[in-house]
Structures are given as structure tokens and as C-alpha cells.
Amino acid sequence: LEREHDNLRGALAWLVEHGRAEGAVRLAGALARFWEMHGHVAEGR
């Protein structure tokens, strides 16, 4: 996940920008634990 973090950020930004609510919420929800464990707390929030 850390290796793909830029890809994950990009995908999430695209989902948000294009109004894809379900995909954005699912992706962000699935990444929450990773963000917490790897210290990306402010960004994840």
C-alpha cells in the first residue's frame, strides 16, 4: 500500500472530483487502517 500510495491518492482524488461517491467512500474506508498504521493520519482524515 505504501508503494502504491501515490496511485491510491490519485484514484481517490479522481473519484471525488468526478462525483463517484460510492467509490470514494469505499476506497477511503478501506485505506483508513493503513493511514493510521503508517502515520498518514492528517492526510487520511
PDB file of all heavy atoms in Angstrom:
ATOM      1  N   LEU A   1       0.826  -1.210   0.000  1.00  0.00           N
ATOM      2  CA  LEU A   1       0.000   0.000   0.000  1.00  0.00           C
ATOM      3  C   LEU A   1       0.859   1.259   0.000  1.00  0.00           C
ATOM      4  O   LEU A   1       0.527   2.244  -0.674  1.00  0.00           O
ATOM      5  CB  LEU A   1      -0.972  -0.001   1.183  1.00  0.00           C
ATOM      6  CG  LEU A   1      -2.082  -1.044   1.123  1.00  0.00           C
ATOM      7  CD1 LEU A   1      -2.878  -1.041   2.416  1.00  0.00           C
ATOM      8  CD2 LEU A   1      -2.990  -0.825  -0.081  1.00  0.00           C
ATOM      9  N   GLU A   2       1.952   1.240   0.738  1.00  0.00           N
ATOM     10  CA  GLU A   2       2.849   2.406   0.749  1.00  0.00           C
ATOM     11  C   GLU A   2       3.456   2.617  -0.636  1.00  0.00           C
ATOM     12  O   GLU A   2       3.545   3.751  -1.115  1.00  0.00           O
ATOM     13  CB  GLU A   2       3.943   2.225   1.801  1.00  0.00           C
ATOM     14  CG  GLU A   2       4.734   3.484   2.078  1.00  0.00           C
ATOM     15  CD  GLU A   2       3.908   4.604   2.691  1.00  0.00           C
ATOM     16  OE1 GLU A   2       3.263   4.402   3.730  1.00  0.00           O
ATOM     17  OE2 GLU A   2       3.905   5.712   2.100  1.00  0.00           O
ATOM     18  N   ARG A   3       3.844   1.534  -1.273  1.00  0.00           N
ATOM     19  CA  ARG A   3       4.414   1.627  -2.628  1.00  0.00           C
ATOM     20  C   ARG A   3       3.399   2.204  -3.611  1.00  0.00           C
ATOM     21  O   ARG A   3       3.759   2.935  -4.525  1.00  0.00           O
ATOM     22  CB  ARG A   3       4.853   0.243  -3.081  1.00  0.00           C
ATOM     23  CG  ARG A   3       5.641   0.219  -4.374  1.00  0.00           C
ATOM     24  CD  ARG A   3       6.153  -1.160  -4.687  1.00  0.00           C
ATOM     25  NE  ARG A   3       5.966  -1.895  -3.481  1.00  0.00           N
ATOM     26  CZ  ARG A   3       6.163  -3.173  -3.227  1.00  0.00           C
ATOM     27  NH1 ARG A   3       6.574  -3.921  -4.075  1.00  0.00           N
ATOM     28  NH2 ARG A   3       5.960  -3.753  -2.097  1.00  0.00           N
ATOM     29  N   GLU A   4       2.135   1.881  -3.426  1.00  0.00           N
ATOM     30  CA  GLU A   4       1.077   2.335  -4.337  1.00  0.00           C
ATOM     31  C   GLU A   4       0.356   3.591  -3.837  1.00  0.00           C
ATOM     32  O   GLU A   4      -0.649   3.995  -4.408  1.00  0.00           O
ATOM     33  CB  GLU A   4       0.052   1.212  -4.548  1.00  0.00           C
ATOM     34  CG  GLU A   4       0.600  -0.024  -5.211  1.00  0.00           C
ATOM     35  CD  GLU A   4       1.079   0.202  -6.642  1.00  0.00           C
ATOM     36  OE1 GLU A   4       0.720   1.233  -7.252  1.00  0.00           O
ATOM     37  OE2 GLU A   4       1.818  -0.652  -7.155  1.00  0.00           O
ATOM     38  N   HIS A   5       0.886   4.209  -2.791  1.00  0.00           N
ATOM     39  CA  HIS A   5       0.183   5.324  -2.158  1.00  0.00           C
ATOM     40  C   HIS A   5      -0.128   6.461  -3.136  1.00  0.00           C
ATOM     41  O   HIS A   5      -1.229   7.011  -3.120  1.00  0.00           O
ATOM     42  CB  HIS A   5       0.962   5.819  -0.941  1.00  0.00           C
ATOM     43  CG  HIS A   5       0.114   6.567   0.034  1.00  0.00           C
ATOM     44  ND1 HIS A   5       0.649   7.297   1.058  1.00  0.00           N
ATOM     45  CD2 HIS A   5      -1.231   6.723   0.148  1.00  0.00           C
ATOM     46  CE1 HIS A   5      -0.333   7.859   1.756  1.00  0.00           C
ATOM     47  NE2 HIS A   5      -1.469   7.523   1.221  1.00  0.00           N
ATOM     48  N   ASP A   6       0.805   6.818  -4.001  1.00  0.00           N
ATOM     49  CA  ASP A   6       0.534   7.877  -4.978  1.00  0.00           C
ATOM     50  C   ASP A   6      -0.604   7.478  -5.922  1.00  0.00           C
ATOM     51  O   ASP A   6      -1.447   8.302  -6.271  1.00  0.00           O
ATOM     52  CB  ASP A   6       1.784   8.233  -5.775  1.00  0.00           C
ATOM     53  CG  ASP A   6       2.774   9.070  -4.971  1.00  0.00           C
ATOM     54  OD1 ASP A   6       2.359   9.700  -3.964  1.00  0.00           O
ATOM     55  OD2 ASP A   6       3.958   9.091  -5.343  1.00  0.00           O
ATOM     56  N   ASN A   7      -0.618   6.220  -6.333  1.00  0.00           N
ATOM     57  CA  ASN A   7      -1.714   5.737  -7.183  1.00  0.00           C
ATOM     58  C   ASN A   7      -3.047   5.793  -6.433  1.00  0.00           C
ATOM     59  O   ASN A   7      -4.068   6.202  -6.994  1.00  0.00           O
ATOM     60  CB  ASN A   7      -1.458   4.299  -7.646  1.00  0.00           C
ATOM     61  CG  ASN A   7      -0.605   4.240  -8.876  1.00  0.00           C
ATOM     62  OD1 ASN A   7      -0.770   5.033  -9.794  1.00  0.00           O
ATOM     63  ND2 ASN A   7       0.320   3.305  -8.906  1.00  0.00           N
ATOM     64  N   LEU A   8      -3.030   5.373  -5.179  1.00  0.00           N
ATOM     65  CA  LEU A   8      -4.255   5.378  -4.367  1.00  0.00           C
ATOM     66  C   LEU A   8      -4.761   6.799  -4.157  1.00  0.00           C
ATOM     67  O   LEU A   8      -5.967   7.053  -4.268  1.00  0.00           O
ATOM     68  CB  LEU A   8      -3.990   4.675  -3.032  1.00  0.00           C
ATOM     69  CG  LEU A   8      -3.623   3.189  -3.147  1.00  0.00           C
ATOM     70  CD1 LEU A   8      -3.000   2.690  -1.856  1.00  0.00           C
ATOM     71  CD2 LEU A   8      -4.835   2.361  -3.537  1.00  0.00           C
ATOM     72  N   ARG A   9      -3.847   7.723  -3.870  1.00  0.00           N
ATOM     73  CA  ARG A   9      -4.219   9.140  -3.730  1.00  0.00           C
ATOM     74  C   ARG A   9      -4.843   9.662  -5.020  1.00  0.00           C
ATOM     75  O   ARG A   9      -5.849  10.361  -4.993  1.00  0.00           O
ATOM     76  CB  ARG A   9      -2.984   9.992  -3.444  1.00  0.00           C
ATOM     77  CG  ARG A   9      -2.472   9.969  -2.071  1.00  0.00           C
ATOM     78  CD  ARG A   9      -1.282  10.941  -1.995  1.00  0.00           C
ATOM     79  NE  ARG A   9      -0.616  10.872  -0.728  1.00  0.00           N
ATOM     80  CZ  ARG A   9       0.619  10.420  -0.547  1.00  0.00           C
ATOM     81  NH1 ARG A   9       1.349   9.989  -1.557  1.00  0.00           N
ATOM     82  NH2 ARG A   9       1.142  10.398   0.656  1.00  0.00           N
ATOM     83  N   GLY A  10      -4.191   9.367  -6.125  1.00  0.00           N
ATOM     84  CA  GLY A  10      -4.679   9.834  -7.419  1.00  0.00           C
ATOM     85  C   GLY A  10      -6.057   9.300  -7.744  1.00  0.00           C
ATOM     86  O   GLY A  10      -6.928  10.038  -8.229  1.00  0.00           O
ATOM     87  N   ALA A  11      -6.267   8.026  -7.478  1.00  0.00           N
ATOM     88  CA  ALA A  11      -7.576   7.424  -7.740  1.00  0.00           C
ATOM     89  C   ALA A  11      -8.642   8.039  -6.858  1.00  0.00           C
ATOM     90  O   ALA A  11      -9.750   8.355  -7.319  1.00  0.00           O
ATOM     91  CB  ALA A  11      -7.514   5.906  -7.514  1.00  0.00           C
ATOM     92  N   LEU A  12      -8.321   8.241  -5.592  1.00  0.00           N
ATOM     93  CA  LEU A  12      -9.293   8.831  -4.671  1.00  0.00           C
ATOM     94  C   LEU A  12      -9.617  10.269  -5.082  1.00  0.00           C
ATOM     95  O   LEU A  12     -10.783  10.679  -5.080  1.00  0.00           O
ATOM     96  CB  LEU A  12      -8.780   8.767  -3.234  1.00  0.00           C
ATOM     97  CG  LEU A  12      -9.742   9.205  -2.146  1.00  0.00           C
ATOM     98  CD1 LEU A  12     -11.085   8.496  -2.242  1.00  0.00           C
ATOM     99  CD2 LEU A  12      -9.122   8.959  -0.782  1.00  0.00           C
ATOM    100  N   ALA A  13      -8.602  11.030  -5.454  1.00  0.00           N
ATOM    101  CA  ALA A  13      -8.835  12.412  -5.911  1.00  0.00           C
ATOM    102  C   ALA A  13      -9.730  12.417  -7.144  1.00  0.00           C
ATOM    103  O   ALA A  13     -10.660  13.230  -7.245  1.00  0.00           O
ATOM    104  CB  ALA A  13      -7.506  13.098  -6.215  1.00  0.00           C
ATOM    105  N   TRP A  14      -9.489  11.511  -8.072  1.00  0.00           N
ATOM    106  CA  TRP A  14     -10.305  11.442  -9.284  1.00  0.00           C
ATOM    107  C   TRP A  14     -11.754  11.081  -8.945  1.00  0.00           C
ATOM    108  O   TRP A  14     -12.686  11.685  -9.471  1.00  0.00           O
ATOM    109  CB  TRP A  14      -9.717  10.436 -10.279  1.00  0.00           C
ATOM    110  CG  TRP A  14     -10.474  10.415 -11.563  1.00  0.00           C
ATOM    111  CD1 TRP A  14     -10.296  11.252 -12.633  1.00  0.00           C
ATOM    112  CD2 TRP A  14     -11.544   9.535 -11.913  1.00  0.00           C
ATOM    113  NE1 TRP A  14     -11.205  10.946 -13.612  1.00  0.00           N
ATOM    114  CE2 TRP A  14     -11.972   9.893 -13.201  1.00  0.00           C
ATOM    115  CE3 TRP A  14     -12.176   8.480 -11.261  1.00  0.00           C
ATOM    116  CZ2 TRP A  14     -13.011   9.233 -13.856  1.00  0.00           C
ATOM    117  CZ3 TRP A  14     -13.212   7.829 -11.904  1.00  0.00           C
ATOM    118  CH2 TRP A  14     -13.621   8.197 -13.187  1.00  0.00           C
ATOM    119  N   LEU A  15     -11.934  10.111  -8.056  1.00  0.00           N
ATOM    120  CA  LEU A  15     -13.290   9.716  -7.649  1.00  0.00           C
ATOM    121  C   LEU A  15     -14.041  10.890  -7.026  1.00  0.00           C
ATOM    122  O   LEU A  15     -15.215  11.120  -7.329  1.00  0.00           O
ATOM    123  CB  LEU A  15     -13.233   8.536  -6.680  1.00  0.00           C
ATOM    124  CG  LEU A  15     -12.813   7.198  -7.281  1.00  0.00           C
ATOM    125  CD1 LEU A  15     -12.428   6.204  -6.183  1.00  0.00           C
ATOM    126  CD2 LEU A  15     -13.922   6.622  -8.165  1.00  0.00           C
ATOM    127  N   VAL A  16     -13.371  11.631  -6.160  1.00  0.00           N
ATOM    128  CA  VAL A  16     -14.005  12.786  -5.510  1.00  0.00           C
ATOM    129  C   VAL A  16     -14.323  13.859  -6.544  1.00  0.00           C
ATOM    130  O   VAL A  16     -15.438  14.383  -6.595  1.00  0.00           O
ATOM    131  CB  VAL A  16     -13.115  13.347  -4.367  1.00  0.00           C
ATOM    132  CG1 VAL A  16     -13.650  14.675  -3.853  1.00  0.00           C
ATOM    133  CG2 VAL A  16     -13.026  12.336  -3.227  1.00  0.00           C
ATOM    134  N   GLU A  17     -13.352  14.188  -7.389  1.00  0.00           N
ATOM    135  CA  GLU A  17     -13.537  15.239  -8.400  1.00  0.00           C
ATOM    136  C   GLU A  17     -14.663  14.919  -9.373  1.00  0.00           C
ATOM    137  O   GLU A  17     -15.311  15.830  -9.888  1.00  0.00           O
ATOM    138  CB  GLU A  17     -12.239  15.456  -9.180  1.00  0.00           C
ATOM    139  CG  GLU A  17     -11.151  16.144  -8.398  1.00  0.00           C
ATOM    140  CD  GLU A  17      -9.796  16.092  -9.102  1.00  0.00           C
ATOM    141  OE1 GLU A  17      -9.748  15.792 -10.316  1.00  0.00           O
ATOM    142  OE2 GLU A  17      -8.787  16.350  -8.421  1.00  0.00           O
ATOM    143  N   HIS A  18     -14.874  13.645  -9.634  1.00  0.00           N
ATOM    144  CA  HIS A  18     -15.882  13.244 -10.614  1.00  0.00           C
ATOM    145  C   HIS A  18     -17.185  12.757  -9.978  1.00  0.00           C
ATOM    146  O   HIS A  18     -18.006  12.132 -10.640  1.00  0.00           O
ATOM    147  CB  HIS A  18     -15.299  12.206 -11.571  1.00  0.00           C
ATOM    148  CG  HIS A  18     -14.302  12.813 -12.506  1.00  0.00           C
ATOM    149  ND1 HIS A  18     -12.992  13.053 -12.138  1.00  0.00           N
ATOM    150  CD2 HIS A  18     -14.439  13.299 -13.766  1.00  0.00           C
ATOM    151  CE1 HIS A  18     -12.370  13.628 -13.144  1.00  0.00           C
ATOM    152  NE2 HIS A  18     -13.216  13.796 -14.132  1.00  0.00           N
ATOM    153  N   GLY A  19     -17.356  13.044  -8.690  1.00  0.00           N
ATOM    154  CA  GLY A  19     -18.623  12.754  -8.029  1.00  0.00           C
ATOM    155  C   GLY A  19     -18.944  11.286  -7.857  1.00  0.00           C
ATOM    156  O   GLY A  19     -20.108  10.918  -7.720  1.00  0.00           O
ATOM    157  N   ARG A  20     -17.943  10.439  -7.821  1.00  0.00           N
ATOM    158  CA  ARG A  20     -18.143   8.997  -7.647  1.00  0.00           C
ATOM    159  C   ARG A  20     -18.143   8.699  -6.148  1.00  0.00           C
ATOM    160  O   ARG A  20     -17.169   8.193  -5.592  1.00  0.00           O
ATOM    161  CB  ARG A  20     -17.060   8.203  -8.356  1.00  0.00           C
ATOM    162  CG  ARG A  20     -16.892   8.467  -9.843  1.00  0.00           C
ATOM    163  CD  ARG A  20     -18.072   8.035 -10.643  1.00  0.00           C
ATOM    164  NE  ARG A  20     -17.942   7.725 -12.043  1.00  0.00           N
ATOM    165  CZ  ARG A  20     -17.307   8.351 -12.998  1.00  0.00           C
ATOM    166  NH1 ARG A  20     -16.548   9.371 -12.722  1.00  0.00           N
ATOM    167  NH2 ARG A  20     -17.368   7.953 -14.252  1.00  0.00           N
ATOM    168  N   ALA A  21     -19.256   9.031  -5.488  1.00  0.00           N
ATOM    169  CA  ALA A  21     -19.334   8.955  -4.019  1.00  0.00           C
ATOM    170  C   ALA A  21     -19.088   7.544  -3.493  1.00  0.00           C
ATOM    171  O   ALA A  21     -18.314   7.358  -2.548  1.00  0.00           O
ATOM    172  CB  ALA A  21     -20.687   9.479  -3.534  1.00  0.00           C
ATOM    173  N   GLU A  22     -19.748   6.559  -4.071  1.00  0.00           N
ATOM    174  CA  GLU A  22     -19.588   5.200  -3.545  1.00  0.00           C
ATOM    175  C   GLU A  22     -18.145   4.738  -3.616  1.00  0.00           C
ATOM    176  O   GLU A  22     -17.577   4.235  -2.638  1.00  0.00           O
ATOM    177  CB  GLU A  22     -20.480   4.204  -4.279  1.00  0.00           C
ATOM    178  CG  GLU A  22     -20.305   2.795  -3.741  1.00  0.00           C
ATOM    179  CD  GLU A  22     -21.167   1.739  -4.416  1.00  0.00           C
ATOM    180  OE1 GLU A  22     -22.083   2.091  -5.181  1.00  0.00           O
ATOM    181  OE2 GLU A  22     -20.919   0.547  -4.158  1.00  0.00           O
ATOM    182  N   GLY A  23     -17.505   4.915  -4.762  1.00  0.00           N
ATOM    183  CA  GLY A  23     -16.115   4.501  -4.918  1.00  0.00           C
ATOM    184  C   GLY A  23     -15.192   5.245  -3.976  1.00  0.00           C
ATOM    185  O   GLY A  23     -14.288   4.654  -3.379  1.00  0.00           O
ATOM    186  N   ALA A  24     -15.426   6.553  -3.829  1.00  0.00           N
ATOM    187  CA  ALA A  24     -14.579   7.365  -2.950  1.00  0.00           C
ATOM    188  C   ALA A  24     -14.707   6.921  -1.495  1.00  0.00           C
ATOM    189  O   ALA A  24     -13.705   6.772  -0.791  1.00  0.00           O
ATOM    190  CB  ALA A  24     -14.938   8.841  -3.090  1.00  0.00           C
ATOM    191  N   VAL A  25     -15.935   6.703  -1.048  1.00  0.00           N
ATOM    192  CA  VAL A  25     -16.155   6.294   0.345  1.00  0.00           C
ATOM    193  C   VAL A  25     -15.599   4.894   0.585  1.00  0.00           C
ATOM    194  O   VAL A  25     -14.951   4.641   1.609  1.00  0.00           O
ATOM    195  CB  VAL A  25     -17.654   6.389   0.712  1.00  0.00           C
ATOM    196  CG1 VAL A  25     -17.935   5.744   2.062  1.00  0.00           C
ATOM    197  CG2 VAL A  25     -18.101   7.850   0.716  1.00  0.00           C
ATOM    198  N   ARG A  26     -15.801   3.990  -0.363  1.00  0.00           N
ATOM    199  CA  ARG A  26     -15.266   2.635  -0.206  1.00  0.00           C
ATOM    200  C   ARG A  26     -13.745   2.641  -0.171  1.00  0.00           C
ATOM    201  O   ARG A  26     -13.129   1.975   0.669  1.00  0.00           O
ATOM    202  CB  ARG A  26     -15.764   1.729  -1.325  1.00  0.00           C
ATOM    203  CG  ARG A  26     -17.203   1.295  -1.158  1.00  0.00           C
ATOM    204  CD  ARG A  26     -17.707   0.465  -2.322  1.00  0.00           C
ATOM    205  NE  ARG A  26     -16.850  -0.686  -2.591  1.00  0.00           N
ATOM    206  CZ  ARG A  26     -16.826  -1.330  -3.767  1.00  0.00           C
ATOM    207  NH1 ARG A  26     -17.597  -0.941  -4.775  1.00  0.00           N
ATOM    208  NH2 ARG A  26     -16.042  -2.364  -3.930  1.00  0.00           N
ATOM    209  N   LEU A  27     -13.115   3.397  -1.076  1.00  0.00           N
ATOM    210  CA  LEU A  27     -11.658   3.430  -1.122  1.00  0.00           C
ATOM    211  C   LEU A  27     -11.091   4.076   0.135  1.00  0.00           C
ATOM    212  O   LEU A  27     -10.179   3.524   0.768  1.00  0.00           O
ATOM    213  CB  LEU A  27     -11.179   4.169  -2.379  1.00  0.00           C
ATOM    214  CG  LEU A  27      -9.670   4.257  -2.580  1.00  0.00           C
ATOM    215  CD1 LEU A  27      -9.007   2.875  -2.553  1.00  0.00           C
ATOM    216  CD2 LEU A  27      -9.354   4.972  -3.892  1.00  0.00           C
ATOM    217  N   ALA A  28     -11.633   5.211   0.528  1.00  0.00           N
ATOM    218  CA  ALA A  28     -11.133   5.890   1.733  1.00  0.00           C
ATOM    219  C   ALA A  28     -11.344   5.017   2.971  1.00  0.00           C
ATOM    220  O   ALA A  28     -10.451   4.909   3.824  1.00  0.00           O
ATOM    221  CB  ALA A  28     -11.817   7.247   1.901  1.00  0.00           C
ATOM    222  N   GLY A  29     -12.492   4.376   3.062  1.00  0.00           N
ATOM    223  CA  GLY A  29     -12.769   3.499   4.199  1.00  0.00           C
ATOM    224  C   GLY A  29     -11.812   2.315   4.265  1.00  0.00           C
ATOM    225  O   GLY A  29     -11.358   1.918   5.339  1.00  0.00           O
ATOM    226  N   ALA A  30     -11.485   1.765   3.105  1.00  0.00           N
ATOM    227  CA  ALA A  30     -10.564   0.623   3.059  1.00  0.00           C
ATOM    228  C   ALA A  30      -9.137   1.031   3.405  1.00  0.00           C
ATOM    229  O   ALA A  30      -8.354   0.211   3.877  1.00  0.00           O
ATOM    230  CB  ALA A  30     -10.605  -0.033   1.678  1.00  0.00           C
ATOM    231  N   LEU A  31      -8.791   2.298   3.204  1.00  0.00           N
ATOM    232  CA  LEU A  31      -7.430   2.763   3.457  1.00  0.00           C
ATOM    233  C   LEU A  31      -7.227   3.329   4.868  1.00  0.00           C
ATOM    234  O   LEU A  31      -6.086   3.594   5.265  1.00  0.00           O
ATOM    235  CB  LEU A  31      -7.045   3.835   2.430  1.00  0.00           C
ATOM    236  CG  LEU A  31      -6.856   3.330   1.008  1.00  0.00           C
ATOM    237  CD1 LEU A  31      -6.676   4.506   0.051  1.00  0.00           C
ATOM    238  CD2 LEU A  31      -5.685   2.366   0.920  1.00  0.00           C
ATOM    239  N   ALA A  32      -8.293   3.508   5.619  1.00  0.00           N
ATOM    240  CA  ALA A  32      -8.199   4.168   6.928  1.00  0.00           C
ATOM    241  C   ALA A  32      -7.182   3.498   7.850  1.00  0.00           C
ATOM    242  O   ALA A  32      -6.359   4.172   8.484  1.00  0.00           O
ATOM    243  CB  ALA A  32      -9.568   4.229   7.600  1.00  0.00           C
ATOM    244  N   ARG A  33      -7.222   2.204   7.956  1.00  0.00           N
ATOM    245  CA  ARG A  33      -6.292   1.481   8.846  1.00  0.00           C
ATOM    246  C   ARG A  33      -4.849   1.663   8.380  1.00  0.00           C
ATOM    247  O   ARG A  33      -3.947   1.867   9.183  1.00  0.00           O
ATOM    248  CB  ARG A  33      -6.681   0.002   8.901  1.00  0.00           C
ATOM    249  CG  ARG A  33      -5.779  -0.854   9.735  1.00  0.00           C
ATOM    250  CD  ARG A  33      -6.215  -0.893  11.166  1.00  0.00           C
ATOM    251  NE  ARG A  33      -5.394  -1.857  11.884  1.00  0.00           N
ATOM    252  CZ  ARG A  33      -5.027  -1.710  13.135  1.00  0.00           C
ATOM    253  NH1 ARG A  33      -5.455  -0.697  13.832  1.00  0.00           N
ATOM    254  NH2 ARG A  33      -4.276  -2.606  13.721  1.00  0.00           N
ATOM    255  N   PHE A  34      -4.612   1.587   7.074  1.00  0.00           N
ATOM    256  CA  PHE A  34      -3.279   1.822   6.517  1.00  0.00           C
ATOM    257  C   PHE A  34      -2.788   3.219   6.883  1.00  0.00           C
ATOM    258  O   PHE A  34      -1.653   3.390   7.338  1.00  0.00           O
ATOM    259  CB  PHE A  34      -3.303   1.640   4.995  1.00  0.00           C
ATOM    260  CG  PHE A  34      -2.165   2.308   4.283  1.00  0.00           C
ATOM    261  CD1 PHE A  34      -0.868   1.823   4.397  1.00  0.00           C
ATOM    262  CD2 PHE A  34      -2.393   3.428   3.492  1.00  0.00           C
ATOM    263  CE1 PHE A  34       0.183   2.454   3.742  1.00  0.00           C
ATOM    264  CE2 PHE A  34      -1.351   4.056   2.829  1.00  0.00           C
ATOM    265  CZ  PHE A  34      -0.060   3.573   2.951  1.00  0.00           C
ATOM    266  N   TRP A  35      -3.644   4.230   6.682  1.00  0.00           N
ATOM    267  CA  TRP A  35      -3.250   5.599   7.001  1.00  0.00           C
ATOM    268  C   TRP A  35      -2.885   5.721   8.480  1.00  0.00           C
ATOM    269  O   TRP A  35      -1.930   6.385   8.828  1.00  0.00           O
ATOM    270  CB  TRP A  35      -4.355   6.583   6.635  1.00  0.00           C
ATOM    271  CG  TRP A  35      -4.528   6.802   5.163  1.00  0.00           C
ATOM    272  CD1 TRP A  35      -3.554   6.774   4.204  1.00  0.00           C
ATOM    273  CD2 TRP A  35      -5.744   7.078   4.480  1.00  0.00           C
ATOM    274  NE1 TRP A  35      -4.103   7.025   2.973  1.00  0.00           N
ATOM    275  CE2 TRP A  35      -5.442   7.219   3.109  1.00  0.00           C
ATOM    276  CE3 TRP A  35      -7.072   7.227   4.893  1.00  0.00           C
ATOM    277  CZ2 TRP A  35      -6.406   7.502   2.151  1.00  0.00           C
ATOM    278  CZ3 TRP A  35      -8.034   7.516   3.932  1.00  0.00           C
ATOM    279  CH2 TRP A  35      -7.702   7.649   2.579  1.00  0.00           C
ATOM    280  N   GLU A  36      -3.669   5.078   9.331  1.00  0.00           N
ATOM    281  CA  GLU A  36      -3.391   5.131  10.763  1.00  0.00           C
ATOM    282  C   GLU A  36      -2.064   4.455  11.095  1.00  0.00           C
ATOM    283  O   GLU A  36      -1.241   4.999  11.822  1.00  0.00           O
ATOM    284  CB  GLU A  36      -4.533   4.465  11.541  1.00  0.00           C
ATOM    285  CG  GLU A  36      -4.348   4.490  13.034  1.00  0.00           C
ATOM    286  CD  GLU A  36      -5.467   3.788  13.794  1.00  0.00           C
ATOM    287  OE1 GLU A  36      -6.413   3.273  13.162  1.00  0.00           O
ATOM    288  OE2 GLU A  36      -5.380   3.751  15.032  1.00  0.00           O
ATOM    289  N   MET A  37      -1.847   3.272  10.547  1.00  0.00           N
ATOM    290  CA  MET A  37      -0.659   2.493  10.879  1.00  0.00           C
ATOM    291  C   MET A  37       0.625   3.084  10.309  1.00  0.00           C
ATOM    292  O   MET A  37       1.696   2.894  10.877  1.00  0.00           O
ATOM    293  CB  MET A  37      -0.829   1.053  10.394  1.00  0.00           C
ATOM    294  CG  MET A  37      -1.940   0.308  11.110  1.00  0.00           C
ATOM    295  SD  MET A  37      -2.186  -1.340  10.440  1.00  0.00           S
ATOM    296  CE  MET A  37      -0.819  -2.193  11.222  1.00  0.00           C
ATOM    297  N   HIS A  38       0.517   3.793   9.186  1.00  0.00           N
ATOM    298  CA  HIS A  38       1.712   4.330   8.540  1.00  0.00           C
ATOM    299  C   HIS A  38       1.900   5.829   8.751  1.00  0.00           C
ATOM    300  O   HIS A  38       2.732   6.449   8.088  1.00  0.00           O
ATOM    301  CB  HIS A  38       1.711   3.980   7.043  1.00  0.00           C
ATOM    302  CG  HIS A  38       2.528   2.779   6.750  1.00  0.00           C
ATOM    303  ND1 HIS A  38       3.364   2.685   5.673  1.00  0.00           N
ATOM    304  CD2 HIS A  38       2.666   1.606   7.413  1.00  0.00           C
ATOM    305  CE1 HIS A  38       3.970   1.519   5.684  1.00  0.00           C
ATOM    306  NE2 HIS A  38       3.557   0.843   6.723  1.00  0.00           N
ATOM    307  N   GLY A  39       1.130   6.388   9.691  1.00  0.00           N
ATOM    308  CA  GLY A  39       1.357   7.768  10.072  1.00  0.00           C
ATOM    309  C   GLY A  39       0.832   8.819   9.107  1.00  0.00           C
ATOM    310  O   GLY A  39       1.240   9.971   9.169  1.00  0.00           O
ATOM    311  N   HIS A  40      -0.064   8.432   8.234  1.00  0.00           N
ATOM    312  CA  HIS A  40      -0.680   9.380   7.300  1.00  0.00           C
ATOM    313  C   HIS A  40      -2.011   9.883   7.890  1.00  0.00           C
ATOM    314  O   HIS A  40      -3.028   9.951   7.206  1.00  0.00           O
ATOM    315  CB  HIS A  40      -0.936   8.724   5.939  1.00  0.00           C
ATOM    316  CG  HIS A  40       0.281   8.142   5.297  1.00  0.00           C
ATOM    317  ND1 HIS A  40       1.305   8.926   4.808  1.00  0.00           N
ATOM    318  CD2 HIS A  40       0.644   6.861   5.066  1.00  0.00           C
ATOM    319  CE1 HIS A  40       2.242   8.141   4.294  1.00  0.00           C
ATOM    320  NE2 HIS A  40       1.865   6.885   4.445  1.00  0.00           N
ATOM    321  N   VAL A  41      -1.993  10.199   9.161  1.00  0.00           N
ATOM    322  CA  VAL A  41      -3.221  10.486   9.911  1.00  0.00           C
ATOM    323  C   VAL A  41      -3.924  11.747   9.409  1.00  0.00           C
ATOM    324  O   VAL A  41      -5.116  11.717   9.115  1.00  0.00           O
ATOM    325  CB  VAL A  41      -2.932  10.569  11.426  1.00  0.00           C
ATOM    326  CG1 VAL A  41      -4.173  10.948  12.205  1.00  0.00           C
ATOM    327  CG2 VAL A  41      -2.377   9.233  11.919  1.00  0.00           C
ATOM    328  N   ALA A  42      -3.217  12.844   9.316  1.00  0.00           N
ATOM    329  CA  ALA A  42      -3.847  14.102   8.880  1.00  0.00           C
ATOM    330  C   ALA A  42      -4.359  13.991   7.446  1.00  0.00           C
ATOM    331  O   ALA A  42      -5.483  14.396   7.138  1.00  0.00           O
ATOM    332  CB  ALA A  42      -2.874  15.265   9.014  1.00  0.00           C
ATOM    333  N   GLU A  43      -3.543  13.412   6.580  1.00  0.00           N
ATOM    334  CA  GLU A  43      -3.957  13.238   5.180  1.00  0.00           C
ATOM    335  C   GLU A  43      -5.164  12.308   5.088  1.00  0.00           C
ATOM    336  O   GLU A  43      -6.132  12.600   4.379  1.00  0.00           O
ATOM    337  CB  GLU A  43      -2.798  12.664   4.365  1.00  0.00           C
ATOM    338  CG  GLU A  43      -3.172  12.391   2.925  1.00  0.00           C
ATOM    339  CD  GLU A  43      -2.070  11.699   2.143  1.00  0.00           C
ATOM    340  OE1 GLU A  43      -1.108  11.169   2.750  1.00  0.00           O
ATOM    341  OE2 GLU A  43      -2.180  11.680   0.908  1.00  0.00           O
ATOM    342  N   GLY A  44      -5.114  11.198   5.802  1.00  0.00           N
ATOM    343  CA  GLY A  44      -6.218  10.248   5.778  1.00  0.00           C
ATOM    344  C   GLY A  44      -7.500  10.879   6.286  1.00  0.00           C
ATOM    345  O   GLY A  44      -8.574  10.679   5.716  1.00  0.00           O
ATOM    346  N   ARG A  45      -7.380  11.649   7.360  1.00  0.00           N
ATOM    347  CA  ARG A  45      -8.568  12.326   7.898  1.00  0.00           C
ATOM    348  C   ARG A  45      -9.164  13.266   6.854  1.00  0.00           C
ATOM    349  O   ARG A  45     -10.373  13.260   6.631  1.00  0.00           O
ATOM    350  CB  ARG A  45      -8.198  13.096   9.160  1.00  0.00           C
ATOM    351  CG  ARG A  45      -9.373  13.864   9.738  1.00  0.00           C
ATOM    352  CD  ARG A  45      -9.008  14.593  11.008  1.00  0.00           C
ATOM    353  NE  ARG A  45     -10.141  15.389  11.487  1.00  0.00           N
ATOM    354  CZ  ARG A  45     -10.197  15.951  12.678  1.00  0.00           C
ATOM    355  NH1 ARG A  45      -9.202  15.807  13.527  1.00  0.00           N
ATOM    356  NH2 ARG A  45     -11.248  16.665  13.023  1.00  0.00           N
TER     357      ARG A  45
END
